[in-house]
Amino acid sequence: METRRTGRLPWAVAVLIAAAICAVSVLGAYLVKQAFGPRGYGAYTAVTLTGNQGVQVAGDGFIYYNGSTLSSVSSQGAQQWSYSVGGNASFAAGESGVAVWSGRRLSVIDRGNGDTLHTGQMDEDILSAKAGAVYTAVLLSPEHDSTMVLLENGGREVDRLTFADQTVLDYGFFSSDTLFWVMTLDTSGTVPTTAITTYRPGRMMVGSITDAQQLMYQVMFQSSQVVCAGTTHLKVYDYTGREDESRRTLIYGWYLAAVEAGVDDPMMAFVPGAQYGTGGELRDVRMMRANVDEIVRMPFACATLVAKGDRVYGFSTDGHVMVARTGAQKVDAYLLEVPAGQIYGVTDDRVAVMGTGNTVYLVTLP
C-alpha cells in the first residue's frame, strides 16, 4: 500500500516568507508612527559658549554673558560681536539695544553691531534697565518709592519719574519706541491695585489706566490701543485710558502664560489657571490675537510655551516640540534630536534657542 507524504516548503522559501512578514510589520509600524506619532526633527547647530551666566533671545539671535563679556550670536551660530562689561553685571537684550548695568554704572550697546551708545554713572543703584530704538529706561532703587529715569540713547536725561507709595512691576516702549509705559502696584490701600501710565518722553503723560474690578498683570499693544490682561477680563484701552468696552473678553480661569514681546498685535497664549505652575502639565492652550480666539490641545504636556507670529510652540521635558497654528485645530508634534534642556526662546526667524550648561542648540522650527 502506498503512503502519500505531506509536502513541505523548502527551508529557503520559509525564510523568505518570514522575512517578508517582518518587513510588512515594520513598514506598517513606521506608517502608523508617521501618521499618528511625533515626527523626528533633527537639523540643529550646536554652539559652545565660553561660559554661561545668562542667555537672552532677541531678534534673529541671542546675547549671552560669561561673567565678564557679552557676546552676540546669530541664529546660524555665528558670533557677531563681543563687549567687555566686567563681573557681576546684569543685562537686558532688546530688538534695538542692550542695556548692561552693575551697581550704578550703565552701558547701552547697539544690538546690531555692538557699538557703545552710552556709558555712565547713575545717582542710585540700578534695579533694571531697557534700551529701545530712541530711549533707554533705567529703574533706580529702592524697589518701593522708586524712580524711573529716561535717557536718550546718547545719554541725555529727558525725564525723571517718581512713583511714591508704588512698586514698578514692568515697563517698556511702544509705538516704534517713541512712547513709554509703566505698570505699578499700589499697596497703600485696603486692596492692592495696579495702574498703567503712558508717557511721551520729555514732554508729558499721555494717559493712565486703572482697574478697580481686577488685578492687571500684563500689557500688550495693538496698533493705537493698549491691551491689558487681568484676573477676569482682557480689556482694550486707547492711549488716554478710555476703555473700548465692546472689545472686553472674559478670561476668568485662564492665565496668560506666553506673549510675543516687542511687536504690535502680539500672539497671546493662555492656559487654565489650574495647569499653570504645575511643573510641565500645560496641555490646553487658548490662542488669542486680534480677532483670533481658539483653544487647542497639546498632544504632550508642555513645560514651556513660546508665542511667535501666528503660532504657539510648546516644549515638553522629554524633548518634544509642538506647533499650534491659528486656524488649524491639529497640533503638529516633533521629537527633537537634541538633549533636553532649558528653553531660552525662539528667534524672529523661527529658530529655537535651547541648551544645557555651556552648550546652546539652535533648532530651526516649522
Protein backbone atom coordinates (compact mmCIF):
# COMPACT_ATOMS: atom_id res chain seq x y z
CA MET A 1 0.00 0.00 0.00
CA GLU A 2 1.39 3.38 -0.99
CA THR A 3 1.56 6.14 1.61
CA ARG A 4 1.27 9.82 0.41
CA ARG A 5 3.75 12.16 2.15
CA THR A 6 2.62 15.66 3.10
CA GLY A 7 4.50 18.31 1.06
CA ARG A 8 6.81 20.69 2.95
CA LEU A 9 8.08 24.14 1.91
CA PRO A 10 11.78 24.27 1.27
CA TRP A 11 13.56 26.00 4.15
CA ALA A 12 14.78 28.86 1.94
CA VAL A 13 11.21 29.70 0.89
CA ALA A 14 10.05 29.65 4.51
CA VAL A 15 12.80 32.06 5.48
CA LEU A 16 11.83 34.43 2.68
CA ILE A 17 8.16 34.38 3.74
CA ALA A 18 9.09 35.08 7.36
CA ALA A 19 11.33 37.96 6.29
CA ALA A 20 8.54 39.40 4.15
CA ILE A 21 6.10 39.23 7.06
CA CYS A 22 8.61 41.04 9.32
CA ALA A 23 9.21 43.71 6.66
CA VAL A 24 5.48 44.31 6.26
CA SER A 25 5.11 44.60 10.05
CA VAL A 26 7.96 47.08 10.32
CA LEU A 27 6.62 49.12 7.40
CA GLY A 28 3.15 49.14 8.94
CA ALA A 29 4.50 50.32 12.28
CA TYR A 30 6.52 53.04 10.53
CA LEU A 31 3.49 54.25 8.58
CA VAL A 32 1.37 54.35 11.75
CA LYS A 33 4.07 56.32 13.54
CA GLN A 34 4.34 58.76 10.64
CA ALA A 35 0.58 59.22 10.54
CA PHE A 36 -0.19 59.39 14.25
CA GLY A 37 3.04 59.72 16.21
CA PRO A 38 5.57 62.51 16.68
CA ARG A 39 7.95 63.04 13.80
CA GLY A 40 11.69 63.31 14.26
CA TYR A 41 13.17 66.76 13.74
CA GLY A 42 16.90 66.64 13.74
CA ALA A 43 18.53 69.64 11.99
CA TYR A 44 20.38 71.74 14.56
CA THR A 45 23.57 73.71 15.20
CA ALA A 46 25.49 73.29 18.46
CA VAL A 47 27.27 76.37 19.84
CA THR A 48 29.80 76.11 22.66
CA LEU A 49 29.77 79.17 24.91
CA THR A 50 32.83 80.43 26.78
CA GLY A 51 30.68 80.47 29.90
CA ASN A 52 27.00 80.85 30.65
CA GLN A 53 25.71 83.28 33.25
CA GLY A 54 22.68 84.28 31.21
CA VAL A 55 21.22 83.85 27.72
CA GLN A 56 18.54 86.13 26.22
CA VAL A 57 16.94 85.75 22.80
CA ALA A 58 16.45 88.93 20.74
CA GLY A 59 15.84 89.41 17.04
CA ASP A 60 17.47 86.76 14.86
CA GLY A 61 19.86 85.51 17.53
CA PHE A 62 20.78 85.69 21.20
CA ILE A 63 23.02 87.54 23.67
CA TYR A 64 24.93 85.73 26.41
CA TYR A 65 27.07 86.78 29.38
CA ASN A 66 30.02 84.67 30.53
CA GLY A 67 30.90 86.56 33.70
CA SER A 68 33.00 89.26 32.06
CA THR A 69 31.89 89.67 28.43
CA LEU A 70 28.65 90.00 26.50
CA SER A 71 28.54 88.24 23.13
CA SER A 72 26.03 88.28 20.29
CA VAL A 73 25.39 85.06 18.32
CA SER A 74 23.23 84.76 15.21
CA SER A 75 20.53 82.13 14.74
CA GLN A 76 23.01 80.27 12.47
CA GLY A 77 25.56 80.07 15.28
CA ALA A 78 27.99 82.77 14.13
CA GLN A 79 29.43 85.15 16.73
CA GLN A 80 28.70 88.73 15.69
CA TRP A 81 30.38 90.81 18.39
CA SER A 82 31.73 90.78 21.94
CA TYR A 83 31.72 93.54 24.53
CA SER A 84 33.68 93.60 27.79
CA VAL A 85 31.44 94.57 30.74
CA GLY A 86 33.29 93.15 33.76
CA GLY A 87 31.98 90.96 36.56
CA ASN A 88 28.67 90.96 38.45
CA ALA A 89 26.78 92.58 35.58
CA SER A 90 23.14 92.25 34.60
CA PHE A 91 21.74 92.87 31.14
CA ALA A 92 18.53 93.18 29.13
CA ALA A 93 18.62 92.47 25.40
CA GLY A 94 16.04 94.12 23.16
CA GLU A 95 15.42 94.33 19.44
CA SER A 96 17.41 97.57 19.08
CA GLY A 97 19.74 97.81 22.05
CA VAL A 98 21.25 96.02 25.02
CA ALA A 99 21.31 97.66 28.45
CA VAL A 100 24.03 96.49 30.86
CA TRP A 101 24.40 97.57 34.46
CA SER A 102 26.39 96.84 37.62
CA GLY A 103 25.81 98.90 40.75
CA ARG A 104 25.34 102.46 39.47
CA ARG A 105 27.20 102.00 36.20
CA LEU A 106 25.14 101.79 32.99
CA SER A 107 26.15 100.95 29.43
CA VAL A 108 23.92 100.96 26.36
CA ILE A 109 25.06 98.87 23.37
CA ASP A 110 23.80 98.83 19.80
CA ARG A 111 22.15 95.43 19.28
CA GLY A 112 23.26 95.13 15.66
CA ASN A 113 26.99 95.91 15.78
CA GLY A 114 27.99 96.07 19.45
CA ASP A 115 28.94 99.78 19.36
CA THR A 116 28.72 101.80 22.59
CA LEU A 117 25.79 104.21 22.58
CA HIS A 118 26.27 105.43 26.14
CA THR A 119 28.16 104.64 29.31
CA GLY A 120 27.94 106.49 32.60
CA GLN A 121 27.03 106.56 36.29
CA MET A 122 23.54 106.94 37.74
CA ASP A 123 22.92 108.60 41.12
CA GLU A 124 21.48 105.43 42.73
CA ASP A 125 21.92 101.70 42.31
CA ILE A 126 20.26 100.37 39.17
CA LEU A 127 17.50 97.80 39.62
CA SER A 128 16.92 97.22 35.90
CA ALA A 129 17.14 98.94 32.52
CA LYS A 130 15.73 98.56 29.00
CA ALA A 131 17.11 100.04 25.79
CA GLY A 132 14.82 100.98 22.90
CA ALA A 133 15.50 102.41 19.48
CA VAL A 134 15.42 106.02 20.75
CA TYR A 135 15.46 105.98 24.56
CA THR A 136 16.74 103.91 27.47
CA ALA A 137 14.71 103.49 30.66
CA VAL A 138 16.57 102.99 33.95
CA LEU A 139 14.83 101.95 37.18
CA LEU A 140 16.70 103.15 40.28
CA SER A 141 16.50 101.84 43.83
CA PRO A 142 14.74 101.48 46.19
CA GLU A 143 12.23 98.92 44.91
CA HIS A 144 9.37 100.75 46.63
CA ASP A 145 9.04 104.51 46.07
CA SER A 146 11.42 104.04 43.16
CA THR A 147 12.50 106.43 40.41
CA MET A 148 12.49 105.87 36.64
CA VAL A 149 14.96 107.82 34.51
CA LEU A 150 14.50 108.13 30.76
CA LEU A 151 17.62 108.85 28.73
CA GLU A 152 18.20 109.46 25.09
CA ASN A 153 20.45 106.67 23.89
CA GLY A 154 23.27 109.19 23.69
CA GLY A 155 22.97 109.71 27.47
CA ARG A 156 20.98 112.96 27.83
CA GLU A 157 18.31 112.74 30.54
CA VAL A 158 14.84 113.63 29.21
CA ASP A 159 12.56 112.55 32.09
CA ARG A 160 12.69 111.56 35.73
CA LEU A 161 9.52 109.87 37.01
CA THR A 162 8.89 109.19 40.71
CA PHE A 163 6.38 106.64 42.00
CA ALA A 164 5.51 107.44 45.62
CA ASP A 165 3.92 104.56 47.56
CA GLN A 166 4.18 102.33 44.48
CA THR A 167 6.30 99.46 43.18
CA VAL A 168 7.21 99.29 39.49
CA LEU A 169 6.18 95.88 38.12
CA ASP A 170 7.09 96.29 34.46
CA TYR A 171 7.78 98.90 31.80
CA GLY A 172 8.74 99.29 28.17
CA PHE A 173 8.50 101.22 24.91
CA PHE A 174 5.85 101.10 22.19
CA SER A 175 4.70 102.92 19.04
CA SER A 176 8.09 102.50 17.30
CA ASP A 177 9.74 103.08 20.70
CA THR A 178 8.62 106.72 20.77
CA LEU A 179 6.19 106.24 23.69
CA PHE A 180 6.76 104.69 27.10
CA TRP A 181 4.58 102.75 29.57
CA VAL A 182 4.94 101.80 33.24
CA MET A 183 2.89 99.30 35.27
CA THR A 184 2.90 99.96 39.03
CA LEU A 185 1.44 98.27 42.09
CA ASP A 186 -0.05 100.34 44.90
CA THR A 187 -0.33 98.51 48.23
CA SER A 188 -1.11 101.53 50.40
CA GLY A 189 -4.88 100.93 50.31
CA THR A 190 -7.01 98.09 51.65
CA VAL A 191 -6.88 96.29 48.28
CA PRO A 192 -3.73 96.15 46.10
CA THR A 193 -4.30 97.89 42.76
CA THR A 194 -2.31 98.13 39.56
CA ALA A 195 -2.06 101.13 37.25
CA ILE A 196 -0.60 101.58 33.77
CA THR A 197 0.65 105.02 32.79
CA THR A 198 1.75 106.03 29.30
CA TYR A 199 4.21 108.84 28.55
CA ARG A 200 5.68 110.77 25.68
CA PRO A 201 9.33 111.02 26.84
CA GLY A 202 10.45 114.56 27.53
CA ARG A 203 7.01 116.04 27.03
CA MET A 204 4.08 114.80 29.09
CA MET A 205 2.00 111.98 30.49
CA VAL A 206 -0.35 110.70 27.79
CA GLY A 207 -2.81 108.66 29.86
CA SER A 208 -3.46 106.44 32.86
CA ILE A 209 -5.28 103.12 33.15
CA THR A 210 -6.65 101.78 36.42
CA ASP A 211 -9.00 98.86 37.02
CA ALA A 212 -10.88 98.55 40.30
CA GLN A 213 -12.57 95.31 39.16
CA GLN A 214 -9.49 93.15 38.76
CA LEU A 215 -5.72 92.94 39.16
CA MET A 216 -3.94 93.60 35.87
CA TYR A 217 -0.69 91.75 35.27
CA GLN A 218 0.31 92.06 31.59
CA VAL A 219 0.39 94.86 28.99
CA MET A 220 0.35 94.42 25.18
CA PHE A 221 -0.30 96.73 22.25
CA GLN A 222 -2.49 96.55 19.14
CA SER A 223 -1.92 99.47 16.78
CA SER A 224 -3.15 102.54 18.68
CA GLN A 225 -4.61 100.59 21.60
CA VAL A 226 -3.36 99.21 24.89
CA VAL A 227 -4.40 95.65 25.76
CA CYS A 228 -4.37 94.66 29.45
CA ALA A 229 -4.71 91.14 30.80
CA GLY A 230 -6.22 90.81 34.26
CA THR A 231 -7.58 88.15 36.54
CA THR A 232 -11.07 88.34 34.99
CA HIS A 233 -11.04 90.17 31.66
CA LEU A 234 -8.86 91.13 28.74
CA LYS A 235 -9.56 94.85 28.25
CA VAL A 236 -8.66 97.25 25.46
CA TYR A 237 -7.96 100.97 26.03
CA ASP A 238 -6.83 103.93 23.97
CA TYR A 239 -3.66 105.76 24.98
CA THR A 240 -5.58 108.20 27.19
CA GLY A 241 -7.03 105.35 29.30
CA ARG A 242 -10.55 105.14 27.88
CA GLU A 243 -11.78 101.54 27.58
CA ASP A 244 -13.42 100.15 24.45
CA GLU A 245 -15.98 98.01 26.29
CA SER A 246 -17.13 96.32 23.08
CA ARG A 247 -13.78 94.53 22.97
CA ARG A 248 -13.81 93.27 26.55
CA THR A 249 -13.15 89.50 26.65
CA LEU A 250 -13.79 87.15 29.57
CA ILE A 251 -10.65 85.22 30.52
CA TYR A 252 -11.60 84.18 34.05
CA GLY A 253 -9.92 80.85 34.85
CA TRP A 254 -7.22 81.41 32.23
CA TYR A 255 -3.69 82.74 32.80
CA LEU A 256 -1.51 84.44 30.18
CA ALA A 257 1.49 82.09 30.06
CA ALA A 258 3.25 83.48 26.96
CA VAL A 259 3.09 86.55 24.76
CA GLU A 260 5.34 87.74 21.97
CA ALA A 261 7.25 90.76 23.23
CA GLY A 262 8.04 93.94 21.36
CA VAL A 263 5.59 93.57 18.46
CA ASP A 264 2.33 95.19 17.52
CA ASP A 265 -0.71 92.90 17.89
CA PRO A 266 1.17 90.01 19.54
CA MET A 267 0.08 86.40 19.84
CA MET A 268 -1.14 85.58 23.37
CA ALA A 269 -1.16 82.05 24.82
CA PHE A 270 -3.46 81.46 27.81
CA VAL A 271 -3.61 78.25 29.84
CA PRO A 272 -6.08 77.15 32.53
CA GLY A 273 -5.09 78.57 35.88
CA ALA A 274 -5.13 75.04 37.35
CA GLN A 275 -2.44 73.95 34.87
CA TYR A 276 -0.12 76.93 35.23
CA GLY A 277 2.80 76.39 37.59
CA THR A 278 2.22 72.64 37.97
CA GLY A 279 5.63 71.62 36.60
CA GLY A 280 5.17 70.65 32.98
CA GLU A 281 1.45 69.96 32.76
CA LEU A 282 0.38 72.62 30.28
CA ARG A 283 -1.93 70.91 27.79
CA ASP A 284 -4.84 73.23 26.90
CA VAL A 285 -3.84 76.48 25.17
CA ARG A 286 -6.14 79.37 24.30
CA MET A 287 -4.61 81.32 21.40
CA MET A 288 -5.69 84.95 21.11
CA ARG A 289 -4.60 87.61 18.65
CA ALA A 290 -6.74 90.44 17.24
CA ASN A 291 -9.87 88.58 16.02
CA VAL A 292 -8.45 85.10 16.76
CA ASP A 293 -9.71 83.24 19.83
CA GLU A 294 -9.39 79.46 19.72
CA ILE A 295 -8.46 76.59 22.04
CA VAL A 296 -6.11 73.74 21.10
CA ARG A 297 -4.96 70.63 22.95
CA MET A 298 -1.26 69.83 23.05
CA PRO A 299 -0.53 66.10 22.47
CA PHE A 300 2.20 66.15 25.13
CA ALA A 301 2.41 68.07 28.41
CA CYS A 302 4.41 71.28 27.96
CA ALA A 303 6.88 72.75 30.40
CA THR A 304 7.40 75.91 28.30
CA LEU A 305 5.25 77.85 25.84
CA VAL A 306 6.56 80.41 23.34
CA ALA A 307 4.24 82.66 21.30
CA LYS A 308 5.61 83.77 17.92
CA GLY A 309 3.79 85.24 14.94
CA ASP A 310 0.71 83.14 14.19
CA ARG A 311 1.98 80.16 16.21
CA VAL A 312 2.43 78.87 19.73
CA TYR A 313 5.30 76.48 20.35
CA GLY A 314 5.09 74.03 23.23
CA PHE A 315 8.21 72.30 24.58
CA SER A 316 7.98 69.17 26.73
CA THR A 317 10.55 67.90 29.20
CA ASP A 318 11.12 64.72 27.16
CA GLY A 319 12.27 66.52 24.00
CA HIS A 320 9.07 67.11 22.03
CA VAL A 321 8.17 70.40 20.37
CA MET A 322 4.57 71.07 19.39
CA VAL A 323 3.44 73.66 16.86
CA ALA A 324 -0.07 75.12 17.15
CA ARG A 325 -1.11 77.35 14.25
CA THR A 326 -4.08 79.68 14.15
CA GLY A 327 -6.89 78.24 12.07
CA ALA A 328 -5.58 74.65 12.32
CA GLN A 329 -7.09 72.53 15.09
CA LYS A 330 -4.44 69.81 14.66
CA VAL A 331 -1.25 70.43 16.59
CA ASP A 332 1.90 69.05 14.94
CA ALA A 333 4.37 67.26 17.23
CA TYR A 334 8.06 66.61 16.57
CA LEU A 335 10.70 64.74 18.57
CA LEU A 336 13.83 66.86 18.70
CA GLU A 337 17.16 65.08 18.38
CA VAL A 338 18.99 67.32 20.85
CA PRO A 339 19.47 66.85 24.60
CA ALA A 340 16.56 68.14 26.65
CA GLY A 341 17.48 71.38 28.40
CA GLN A 342 16.44 74.93 29.12
CA ILE A 343 14.33 76.74 26.52
CA TYR A 344 15.66 80.27 26.13
CA GLY A 345 13.21 81.31 23.42
CA VAL A 346 12.53 81.39 19.69
CA THR A 347 14.18 83.91 17.35
CA ASP A 348 12.30 86.05 14.86
CA ASP A 349 13.34 83.67 12.07
CA ARG A 350 11.84 80.69 13.98
CA VAL A 351 14.95 79.11 15.47
CA ALA A 352 14.58 77.59 18.93
CA VAL A 353 17.42 78.50 21.30
CA MET A 354 17.83 75.76 23.89
CA GLY A 355 20.74 74.49 25.91
CA THR A 356 22.40 72.72 28.78
CA GLY A 357 25.38 74.18 30.62
CA ASN A 358 27.77 75.90 28.21
CA THR A 359 26.23 74.39 25.07
CA VAL A 360 23.37 76.00 23.13
CA TYR A 361 21.44 74.17 20.41
CA LEU A 362 19.85 76.13 17.58
CA VAL A 363 16.94 74.20 16.06
CA THR A 364 15.09 75.54 13.02
CA LEU A 365 11.36 75.14 13.64
CA PRO A 366 8.49 74.69 11.16
